[in-house]
Amino acid sequence: MVMKNKLSRPVDIIGVGSTKLGFVTETAEIKNMTGRELWTMAAHEAMQDAGVTPKDIDALVFGNMLSELSEDQYHLGNILVQWTGLSAGDEVWKPAVRIEGACASSSHSIRQAVLSIASGVYDVVIAGGLEVTNAKIESRAPGAPRKMTNDERLRALWCHYDQLWEMPQLAAGAVMLRRG
């Protein structure tokens, strides 16, 4: 017998927001913006589209994988809950979690938000994500983002893989070709 999984409560997408896709070092609409600024722009557009304010939101679920390499920043969920304005009062911030799932980090964050609403833990959650994959924002010398070097981009790509298992397997490769 095959059982279908069903959500305990229905969950609806009530608002969406996004930024221009492009290079933060070149694209006019997002030029020199940090991940914090990009998220805030998208989050506020989603809130406006939904007709909600930060006080209506119970939690933030955020997908990201490369912020350590692009912005020297680990705990973006906790930072972005503040940039989004999700205060619970008295300098207490609403719950935030960052989810990593390589290229599917944002999708995983939306799935987790759906499950947290369906389970009855929360009623309204903002979810999504961002990646700055082509620029480096230095924490030691903040300023305008610069293009990542090829070595930095390669390192960011390598961080998707299991370093002890997959990477040694990628050390060499060859293809033999012959005229058909």
N, C-alpha and C. Protein backbone atom coordinates (compact mmCIF):
# COMPACT_ATOMS: atom_id res chain seq x y z
N MET A 1 0.85 -1.18 0.00
CA MET A 1 0.00 0.00 0.00
C MET A 1 0.89 1.24 0.00
N VAL A 2 0.60 2.18 -0.90
CA VAL A 2 1.35 3.43 -0.98
C VAL A 2 0.59 4.51 -0.23
N MET A 3 1.27 5.15 0.69
CA MET A 3 0.64 6.23 1.45
C MET A 3 1.18 7.56 0.94
N LYS A 4 0.29 8.50 0.73
CA LYS A 4 0.71 9.84 0.33
C LYS A 4 0.93 10.67 1.58
N ASN A 5 2.03 11.39 1.57
CA ASN A 5 2.27 12.32 2.67
C ASN A 5 1.40 13.54 2.47
N LYS A 6 0.73 13.97 3.50
CA LYS A 6 -0.12 15.14 3.44
C LYS A 6 0.31 16.12 4.52
N LEU A 7 0.18 17.39 4.20
CA LEU A 7 0.48 18.42 5.18
C LEU A 7 -0.66 18.49 6.19
N SER A 8 -0.32 18.73 7.44
CA SER A 8 -1.33 18.84 8.50
C SER A 8 -2.20 20.07 8.31
N ARG A 9 -1.59 21.16 7.80
CA ARG A 9 -2.33 22.39 7.52
C ARG A 9 -1.94 22.86 6.13
N PRO A 10 -2.87 23.50 5.41
CA PRO A 10 -2.51 24.02 4.09
C PRO A 10 -1.54 25.20 4.22
N VAL A 11 -0.70 25.34 3.23
CA VAL A 11 0.29 26.43 3.21
C VAL A 11 0.21 27.11 1.84
N ASP A 12 0.12 28.43 1.85
CA ASP A 12 0.05 29.21 0.62
C ASP A 12 1.24 30.14 0.49
N ILE A 13 1.69 30.36 -0.72
CA ILE A 13 2.66 31.42 -0.99
C ILE A 13 1.84 32.69 -1.15
N ILE A 14 2.10 33.69 -0.31
CA ILE A 14 1.27 34.90 -0.31
C ILE A 14 1.99 36.12 -0.87
N GLY A 15 3.28 36.03 -1.10
CA GLY A 15 4.01 37.17 -1.64
C GLY A 15 5.37 36.73 -2.14
N VAL A 16 5.87 37.42 -3.16
CA VAL A 16 7.20 37.11 -3.69
C VAL A 16 7.98 38.39 -3.93
N GLY A 17 9.28 38.27 -3.92
CA GLY A 17 10.16 39.40 -4.21
C GLY A 17 11.48 38.89 -4.73
N SER A 18 12.11 39.68 -5.57
CA SER A 18 13.42 39.28 -6.08
C SER A 18 14.19 40.52 -6.51
N THR A 19 15.47 40.34 -6.68
CA THR A 19 16.32 41.41 -7.19
C THR A 19 16.66 41.10 -8.63
N LYS A 20 17.27 42.04 -9.26
CA LYS A 20 17.80 41.84 -10.60
C LYS A 20 18.90 40.79 -10.52
N LEU A 21 18.92 39.88 -11.46
CA LEU A 21 19.99 38.90 -11.55
C LEU A 21 21.14 39.52 -12.33
N GLY A 22 22.33 39.42 -11.78
CA GLY A 22 23.46 39.99 -12.47
C GLY A 22 24.70 40.01 -11.61
N PHE A 23 25.70 40.73 -12.07
CA PHE A 23 26.97 40.86 -11.36
C PHE A 23 26.92 42.09 -10.46
N VAL A 24 27.20 41.91 -9.15
CA VAL A 24 27.18 43.06 -8.25
C VAL A 24 28.34 44.01 -8.52
N THR A 25 29.25 43.57 -9.35
CA THR A 25 30.35 44.45 -9.74
C THR A 25 30.05 45.22 -11.03
N GLU A 26 28.94 44.87 -11.71
CA GLU A 26 28.66 45.48 -13.01
C GLU A 26 27.21 45.89 -13.25
N THR A 27 26.23 45.12 -12.78
CA THR A 27 24.82 45.35 -13.10
C THR A 27 24.30 46.58 -12.36
N ALA A 28 23.83 47.55 -13.12
CA ALA A 28 23.48 48.87 -12.56
C ALA A 28 22.53 48.79 -11.37
N GLU A 29 21.46 48.01 -11.46
CA GLU A 29 20.44 47.97 -10.40
C GLU A 29 20.94 47.38 -9.08
N ILE A 30 21.99 46.60 -9.13
CA ILE A 30 22.50 45.97 -7.91
C ILE A 30 23.98 46.25 -7.68
N LYS A 31 24.53 47.17 -8.42
CA LYS A 31 25.97 47.44 -8.36
C LYS A 31 26.41 47.80 -6.94
N ASN A 32 27.48 47.17 -6.50
CA ASN A 32 28.12 47.39 -5.20
C ASN A 32 27.24 47.02 -4.01
N MET A 33 26.20 46.24 -4.21
CA MET A 33 25.34 45.83 -3.10
C MET A 33 25.93 44.59 -2.42
N THR A 34 25.72 44.50 -1.12
CA THR A 34 26.12 43.32 -0.35
C THR A 34 24.95 42.34 -0.34
N GLY A 35 25.23 41.13 0.14
CA GLY A 35 24.17 40.15 0.30
C GLY A 35 23.06 40.64 1.21
N ARG A 36 23.43 41.36 2.27
CA ARG A 36 22.44 41.92 3.19
C ARG A 36 21.48 42.85 2.46
N GLU A 37 22.05 43.70 1.63
CA GLU A 37 21.23 44.67 0.89
C GLU A 37 20.36 43.98 -0.15
N LEU A 38 20.90 42.98 -0.83
CA LEU A 38 20.12 42.24 -1.82
C LEU A 38 18.95 41.53 -1.14
N TRP A 39 19.22 40.84 -0.02
CA TRP A 39 18.15 40.14 0.70
C TRP A 39 17.08 41.13 1.16
N THR A 40 17.50 42.24 1.74
CA THR A 40 16.54 43.22 2.26
C THR A 40 15.63 43.73 1.15
N MET A 41 16.19 43.97 -0.02
CA MET A 41 15.40 44.43 -1.15
C MET A 41 14.35 43.38 -1.54
N ALA A 42 14.76 42.14 -1.67
CA ALA A 42 13.83 41.07 -2.05
C ALA A 42 12.80 40.80 -0.95
N ALA A 43 13.26 40.79 0.31
CA ALA A 43 12.36 40.51 1.43
C ALA A 43 11.27 41.58 1.55
N HIS A 44 11.65 42.83 1.43
CA HIS A 44 10.66 43.90 1.55
C HIS A 44 9.69 43.90 0.38
N GLU A 45 10.16 43.52 -0.80
CA GLU A 45 9.24 43.39 -1.94
C GLU A 45 8.25 42.26 -1.69
N ALA A 46 8.71 41.13 -1.13
CA ALA A 46 7.82 40.01 -0.82
C ALA A 46 6.80 40.40 0.25
N MET A 47 7.25 41.14 1.28
CA MET A 47 6.33 41.58 2.33
C MET A 47 5.27 42.52 1.76
N GLN A 48 5.71 43.45 0.91
CA GLN A 48 4.76 44.38 0.30
C GLN A 48 3.76 43.64 -0.58
N ASP A 49 4.24 42.68 -1.36
CA ASP A 49 3.37 41.88 -2.21
C ASP A 49 2.34 41.10 -1.39
N ALA A 50 2.76 40.63 -0.21
CA ALA A 50 1.87 39.85 0.67
C ALA A 50 0.98 40.73 1.53
N GLY A 51 1.32 42.01 1.63
CA GLY A 51 0.54 42.89 2.50
C GLY A 51 0.81 42.64 3.98
N VAL A 52 2.04 42.23 4.31
CA VAL A 52 2.40 42.00 5.71
C VAL A 52 3.54 42.93 6.10
N THR A 53 3.73 43.07 7.39
CA THR A 53 4.84 43.85 7.93
C THR A 53 5.75 42.90 8.71
N PRO A 54 6.94 43.33 9.08
CA PRO A 54 7.82 42.44 9.85
C PRO A 54 7.18 41.91 11.13
N LYS A 55 6.30 42.69 11.77
CA LYS A 55 5.68 42.20 13.01
C LYS A 55 4.74 41.02 12.77
N ASP A 56 4.26 40.85 11.51
CA ASP A 56 3.38 39.74 11.18
C ASP A 56 4.13 38.43 10.95
N ILE A 57 5.43 38.49 10.78
CA ILE A 57 6.24 37.34 10.42
C ILE A 57 6.77 36.66 11.68
N ASP A 58 6.63 35.34 11.73
CA ASP A 58 7.06 34.58 12.91
C ASP A 58 8.52 34.16 12.86
N ALA A 59 9.06 33.91 11.67
CA ALA A 59 10.43 33.39 11.56
C ALA A 59 10.97 33.61 10.16
N LEU A 60 12.28 33.44 10.03
CA LEU A 60 12.97 33.56 8.75
C LEU A 60 13.75 32.27 8.51
N VAL A 61 13.60 31.70 7.32
CA VAL A 61 14.38 30.54 6.90
C VAL A 61 15.11 30.94 5.64
N PHE A 62 16.44 30.83 5.68
CA PHE A 62 17.27 31.43 4.66
C PHE A 62 18.24 30.40 4.06
N GLY A 63 18.29 30.34 2.74
CA GLY A 63 19.20 29.42 2.06
C GLY A 63 20.42 30.13 1.53
N ASN A 64 21.60 29.59 1.85
CA ASN A 64 22.85 30.18 1.38
C ASN A 64 23.97 29.18 1.61
N MET A 65 24.93 29.16 0.70
CA MET A 65 26.05 28.27 0.87
C MET A 65 27.40 28.98 0.87
N LEU A 66 27.55 30.05 0.11
CA LEU A 66 28.88 30.59 -0.13
C LEU A 66 29.23 31.87 0.61
N SER A 67 28.42 32.31 1.54
CA SER A 67 28.69 33.61 2.17
C SER A 67 30.05 33.66 2.88
N GLU A 68 30.52 32.51 3.35
CA GLU A 68 31.83 32.50 3.99
C GLU A 68 32.92 32.88 3.00
N LEU A 69 32.74 32.47 1.75
CA LEU A 69 33.75 32.70 0.73
C LEU A 69 33.57 34.02 -0.01
N SER A 70 32.33 34.49 -0.13
CA SER A 70 32.10 35.72 -0.87
C SER A 70 32.05 36.96 0.03
N GLU A 71 31.61 36.81 1.28
CA GLU A 71 31.48 37.98 2.15
C GLU A 71 32.13 37.78 3.52
N ASP A 72 32.91 36.73 3.67
CA ASP A 72 33.55 36.43 4.96
C ASP A 72 32.53 36.40 6.10
N GLN A 73 31.35 35.85 5.85
CA GLN A 73 30.27 35.90 6.83
C GLN A 73 29.61 34.53 6.97
N TYR A 74 29.52 34.03 8.20
CA TYR A 74 28.92 32.73 8.45
C TYR A 74 27.44 32.80 8.77
N HIS A 75 27.06 33.41 9.82
CA HIS A 75 25.70 33.31 10.37
C HIS A 75 24.73 34.34 9.76
N LEU A 76 24.53 34.24 8.46
CA LEU A 76 23.67 35.21 7.78
C LEU A 76 22.22 35.18 8.24
N GLY A 77 21.69 34.04 8.62
CA GLY A 77 20.30 34.00 9.09
C GLY A 77 20.07 34.98 10.22
N ASN A 78 20.97 34.97 11.20
CA ASN A 78 20.84 35.87 12.36
C ASN A 78 21.03 37.33 11.98
N ILE A 79 21.89 37.58 11.02
CA ILE A 79 22.09 38.96 10.56
C ILE A 79 20.89 39.43 9.76
N LEU A 80 20.39 38.58 8.88
CA LEU A 80 19.29 39.00 7.99
C LEU A 80 17.97 39.15 8.73
N VAL A 81 17.77 38.44 9.82
CA VAL A 81 16.55 38.65 10.60
C VAL A 81 16.53 40.10 11.11
N GLN A 82 17.71 40.64 11.43
CA GLN A 82 17.79 42.03 11.88
C GLN A 82 17.60 42.99 10.70
N TRP A 83 18.26 42.70 9.57
CA TRP A 83 18.12 43.57 8.40
C TRP A 83 16.69 43.57 7.88
N THR A 84 15.96 42.47 8.09
CA THR A 84 14.56 42.38 7.65
C THR A 84 13.64 43.09 8.64
N GLY A 85 14.14 43.36 9.84
CA GLY A 85 13.34 44.07 10.84
C GLY A 85 12.45 43.18 11.67
N LEU A 86 12.82 41.92 11.82
CA LEU A 86 11.98 40.96 12.53
C LEU A 86 12.26 40.98 14.03
N SER A 87 11.98 42.09 14.65
CA SER A 87 12.19 42.25 16.08
C SER A 87 11.01 41.68 16.86
N ALA A 88 11.33 41.00 17.96
CA ALA A 88 10.30 40.53 18.88
C ALA A 88 10.14 41.51 20.03
N GLY A 89 10.89 42.63 19.99
CA GLY A 89 10.84 43.63 21.05
C GLY A 89 11.97 43.46 22.04
N ASP A 90 12.29 44.55 22.71
CA ASP A 90 13.34 44.53 23.74
C ASP A 90 14.65 43.92 23.25
N GLU A 91 15.05 44.28 22.05
CA GLU A 91 16.29 43.81 21.44
C GLU A 91 16.37 42.29 21.32
N VAL A 92 15.23 41.66 21.19
CA VAL A 92 15.14 40.22 20.95
C VAL A 92 14.67 40.04 19.51
N TRP A 93 15.31 39.12 18.81
CA TRP A 93 14.98 38.90 17.40
C TRP A 93 14.24 37.59 17.22
N LYS A 94 13.37 37.57 16.23
CA LYS A 94 12.60 36.37 15.93
C LYS A 94 13.54 35.28 15.41
N PRO A 95 13.08 34.03 15.45
CA PRO A 95 13.93 32.91 15.04
C PRO A 95 14.37 33.03 13.58
N ALA A 96 15.61 32.63 13.33
CA ALA A 96 16.16 32.59 11.98
C ALA A 96 17.06 31.39 11.85
N VAL A 97 17.01 30.75 10.71
CA VAL A 97 17.89 29.62 10.45
C VAL A 97 18.41 29.72 9.02
N ARG A 98 19.66 29.36 8.86
CA ARG A 98 20.28 29.30 7.54
C ARG A 98 20.42 27.84 7.14
N ILE A 99 20.02 27.54 5.92
CA ILE A 99 20.06 26.18 5.42
C ILE A 99 21.02 26.12 4.24
N GLU A 100 21.85 25.10 4.22
CA GLU A 100 22.78 24.90 3.12
C GLU A 100 22.40 23.64 2.37
N GLY A 101 22.32 23.77 1.06
CA GLY A 101 22.03 22.62 0.21
C GLY A 101 22.58 22.83 -1.18
N ALA A 102 23.82 23.31 -1.25
CA ALA A 102 24.49 23.60 -2.53
C ALA A 102 23.57 24.45 -3.40
N CYS A 103 23.34 24.01 -4.61
CA CYS A 103 22.55 24.81 -5.56
C CYS A 103 21.07 24.86 -5.20
N ALA A 104 20.63 24.05 -4.27
CA ALA A 104 19.22 24.01 -3.89
C ALA A 104 18.96 24.64 -2.52
N SER A 105 19.88 25.44 -2.02
CA SER A 105 19.73 26.02 -0.68
C SER A 105 18.42 26.80 -0.53
N SER A 106 18.08 27.63 -1.50
CA SER A 106 16.84 28.41 -1.41
C SER A 106 15.62 27.51 -1.44
N SER A 107 15.64 26.49 -2.28
CA SER A 107 14.52 25.54 -2.33
C SER A 107 14.36 24.81 -1.01
N HIS A 108 15.47 24.42 -0.41
CA HIS A 108 15.40 23.77 0.90
C HIS A 108 14.82 24.71 1.95
N SER A 109 15.15 25.99 1.87
CA SER A 109 14.63 26.94 2.86
C SER A 109 13.11 27.07 2.71
N ILE A 110 12.63 27.10 1.48
CA ILE A 110 11.18 27.20 1.26
C ILE A 110 10.49 25.93 1.77
N ARG A 111 11.08 24.78 1.49
CA ARG A 111 10.52 23.51 1.98
C ARG A 111 10.44 23.51 3.50
N GLN A 112 11.50 23.96 4.16
CA GLN A 112 11.51 23.98 5.63
C GLN A 112 10.45 24.95 6.17
N ALA A 113 10.28 26.09 5.49
CA ALA A 113 9.25 27.04 5.90
C ALA A 113 7.85 26.42 5.76
N VAL A 114 7.62 25.72 4.65
CA VAL A 114 6.33 25.04 4.44
C VAL A 114 6.08 24.05 5.57
N LEU A 115 7.09 23.24 5.89
CA LEU A 115 6.91 22.24 6.94
C LEU A 115 6.68 22.87 8.31
N SER A 116 7.33 24.00 8.59
CA SER A 116 7.14 24.64 9.90
C SER A 116 5.75 25.27 10.02
N ILE A 117 5.19 25.72 8.92
CA ILE A 117 3.81 26.24 8.95
C ILE A 117 2.82 25.09 9.00
N ALA A 118 3.02 24.08 8.16
CA ALA A 118 2.10 22.94 8.13
C ALA A 118 2.04 22.21 9.46
N SER A 119 3.15 22.20 10.19
CA SER A 119 3.18 21.51 11.48
C SER A 119 2.51 22.31 12.60
N GLY A 120 2.25 23.59 12.34
CA GLY A 120 1.62 24.43 13.34
C GLY A 120 2.59 25.22 14.20
N VAL A 121 3.88 25.09 13.94
CA VAL A 121 4.87 25.83 14.73
C VAL A 121 4.74 27.32 14.46
N TYR A 122 4.59 27.72 13.20
CA TYR A 122 4.47 29.12 12.81
C TYR A 122 3.27 29.30 11.89
N ASP A 123 2.82 30.55 11.79
CA ASP A 123 1.74 30.89 10.86
C ASP A 123 2.25 31.61 9.62
N VAL A 124 3.25 32.48 9.78
CA VAL A 124 3.79 33.25 8.66
C VAL A 124 5.32 33.19 8.73
N VAL A 125 5.94 32.74 7.66
CA VAL A 125 7.41 32.62 7.60
C VAL A 125 7.88 33.25 6.30
N ILE A 126 8.98 33.98 6.37
CA ILE A 126 9.61 34.48 5.16
C ILE A 126 10.79 33.56 4.86
N ALA A 127 10.88 33.12 3.61
CA ALA A 127 11.93 32.17 3.22
C ALA A 127 12.48 32.54 1.86
N GLY A 128 13.69 32.13 1.60
CA GLY A 128 14.33 32.38 0.32
C GLY A 128 15.82 32.28 0.50
N GLY A 129 16.55 32.95 -0.36
CA GLY A 129 17.99 32.87 -0.23
C GLY A 129 18.71 33.78 -1.20
N LEU A 130 20.03 33.71 -1.14
CA LEU A 130 20.85 34.47 -2.06
C LEU A 130 22.23 33.87 -2.11
N GLU A 131 22.90 34.09 -3.21
CA GLU A 131 24.30 33.75 -3.35
C GLU A 131 25.00 34.87 -4.10
N VAL A 132 26.09 35.33 -3.57
CA VAL A 132 26.99 36.22 -4.30
C VAL A 132 28.13 35.31 -4.75
N THR A 133 28.11 34.93 -6.01
CA THR A 133 29.05 33.93 -6.50
C THR A 133 30.12 34.48 -7.42
N ASN A 134 30.07 35.76 -7.67
CA ASN A 134 31.01 36.33 -8.64
C ASN A 134 31.78 37.52 -8.09
N ALA A 135 31.59 37.80 -6.81
CA ALA A 135 32.24 38.97 -6.22
C ALA A 135 32.74 38.62 -4.83
N LYS A 136 33.71 39.37 -4.38
CA LYS A 136 34.27 39.20 -3.05
C LYS A 136 34.13 40.52 -2.30
N ILE A 137 33.56 40.44 -1.11
CA ILE A 137 33.43 41.61 -0.25
C ILE A 137 34.31 41.32 0.97
N GLU A 138 35.37 42.06 1.11
CA GLU A 138 36.36 41.80 2.15
C GLU A 138 35.88 42.33 3.50
N SER A 139 35.92 41.47 4.53
CA SER A 139 35.54 41.92 5.87
C SER A 139 36.64 42.77 6.50
N ARG A 140 37.88 42.52 6.12
CA ARG A 140 39.00 43.28 6.70
C ARG A 140 39.14 44.66 6.07
N ALA A 141 38.64 44.81 4.88
CA ALA A 141 38.73 46.10 4.18
C ALA A 141 37.41 46.33 3.44
N PRO A 142 36.31 46.59 4.20
CA PRO A 142 35.01 46.74 3.55
C PRO A 142 35.03 47.85 2.50
N GLY A 143 34.21 47.69 1.54
CA GLY A 143 34.11 48.65 0.45
C GLY A 143 33.36 48.01 -0.69
N ALA A 144 33.53 48.54 -1.85
CA ALA A 144 32.84 48.02 -3.03
C ALA A 144 33.29 46.58 -3.31
N PRO A 145 32.35 45.72 -3.69
CA PRO A 145 32.73 44.36 -4.06
C PRO A 145 33.68 44.39 -5.25
N ARG A 146 34.59 43.41 -5.27
CA ARG A 146 35.46 43.26 -6.43
C ARG A 146 35.16 41.91 -7.06
N LYS A 147 35.50 41.78 -8.33
CA LYS A 147 35.32 40.49 -8.98
C LYS A 147 36.17 39.45 -8.27
N MET A 148 35.61 38.25 -8.12
CA MET A 148 36.39 37.15 -7.57
C MET A 148 37.47 36.77 -8.58
N THR A 149 38.60 36.35 -8.05
CA THR A 149 39.64 35.82 -8.92
C THR A 149 39.22 34.42 -9.37
N ASN A 150 39.87 33.90 -10.38
CA ASN A 150 39.57 32.53 -10.82
C ASN A 150 39.83 31.53 -9.71
N ASP A 151 40.89 31.74 -8.93
CA ASP A 151 41.18 30.84 -7.81
C ASP A 151 40.06 30.88 -6.76
N GLU A 152 39.53 32.06 -6.47
CA GLU A 152 38.44 32.19 -5.49
C GLU A 152 37.17 31.51 -6.00
N ARG A 153 36.86 31.67 -7.27
CA ARG A 153 35.68 31.01 -7.85
C ARG A 153 35.85 29.50 -7.83
N LEU A 154 37.03 29.02 -8.16
CA LEU A 154 37.30 27.60 -8.16
C LEU A 154 37.17 27.03 -6.75
N ARG A 155 37.68 27.72 -5.76
CA ARG A 155 37.56 27.27 -4.36
C ARG A 155 36.09 27.21 -3.96
N ALA A 156 35.32 28.22 -4.34
CA ALA A 156 33.89 28.23 -4.03
C ALA A 156 33.20 27.02 -4.66
N LEU A 157 33.55 26.71 -5.88
CA LEU A 157 32.98 25.56 -6.55
C LEU A 157 33.39 24.27 -5.86
N TRP A 158 34.66 24.15 -5.49
CA TRP A 158 35.14 22.95 -4.83
C TRP A 158 34.44 22.71 -3.50
N CYS A 159 34.00 23.77 -2.86
CA CYS A 159 33.35 23.62 -1.56
C CYS A 159 31.99 22.93 -1.66
N HIS A 160 31.48 22.74 -2.87
CA HIS A 160 30.24 21.98 -3.06
C HIS A 160 30.47 20.48 -2.85
N TYR A 161 31.69 20.06 -2.99
CA TYR A 161 32.00 18.63 -3.00
C TYR A 161 32.47 18.14 -1.64
N ASP A 162 32.33 16.85 -1.42
CA ASP A 162 32.89 16.21 -0.24
C ASP A 162 34.39 16.15 -0.44
N GLN A 163 35.12 16.97 0.30
CA GLN A 163 36.54 17.16 0.08
C GLN A 163 37.36 15.87 0.22
N LEU A 164 37.01 15.00 1.14
CA LEU A 164 37.80 13.79 1.37
C LEU A 164 37.43 12.64 0.44
N TRP A 165 36.26 12.72 -0.17
CA TRP A 165 35.84 11.62 -1.02
C TRP A 165 35.82 12.00 -2.50
N GLU A 166 35.08 13.05 -2.84
CA GLU A 166 34.90 13.39 -4.25
C GLU A 166 36.09 14.11 -4.86
N MET A 167 36.70 15.00 -4.13
CA MET A 167 37.77 15.81 -4.73
C MET A 167 38.96 14.99 -5.21
N PRO A 168 39.45 13.99 -4.45
CA PRO A 168 40.56 13.22 -5.00
C PRO A 168 40.19 12.52 -6.30
N GLN A 169 38.91 12.22 -6.47
CA GLN A 169 38.46 11.55 -7.68
C GLN A 169 38.47 12.50 -8.89
N LEU A 170 38.53 13.80 -8.65
CA LEU A 170 38.49 14.78 -9.71
C LEU A 170 39.88 15.26 -10.11
N ALA A 171 40.91 14.57 -9.67
CA ALA A 171 42.26 15.04 -9.89
C ALA A 171 42.71 14.95 -11.34
N ALA A 172 42.21 13.99 -12.09
CA ALA A 172 42.66 13.84 -13.47
C ALA A 172 41.57 13.19 -14.30
N GLY A 173 41.66 13.40 -15.59
CA GLY A 173 40.69 12.77 -16.48
C GLY A 173 41.20 12.86 -17.90
N ALA A 174 40.80 11.93 -18.73
CA ALA A 174 41.22 11.92 -20.12
C ALA A 174 40.11 11.35 -21.00
N VAL A 175 40.08 11.81 -22.21
CA VAL A 175 39.11 11.32 -23.18
C VAL A 175 39.88 10.98 -24.46
N MET A 176 39.62 9.82 -25.02
CA MET A 176 40.22 9.43 -26.29
C MET A 176 39.21 9.69 -27.40
N LEU A 177 39.64 10.35 -28.43
CA LEU A 177 38.78 10.67 -29.56
C LEU A 177 39.39 10.11 -30.84
N ARG A 178 38.52 9.78 -31.76
CA ARG A 178 38.99 9.30 -33.05
C ARG A 178 38.02 9.77 -34.12
N ARG A 179 38.56 10.00 -35.26
CA ARG A 179 37.72 10.39 -36.39
C ARG A 179 36.74 9.28 -36.66
N GLY A 180 35.45 9.65 -36.86
CA GLY A 180 34.40 8.65 -37.04
C GLY A 180 34.22 8.17 -38.44
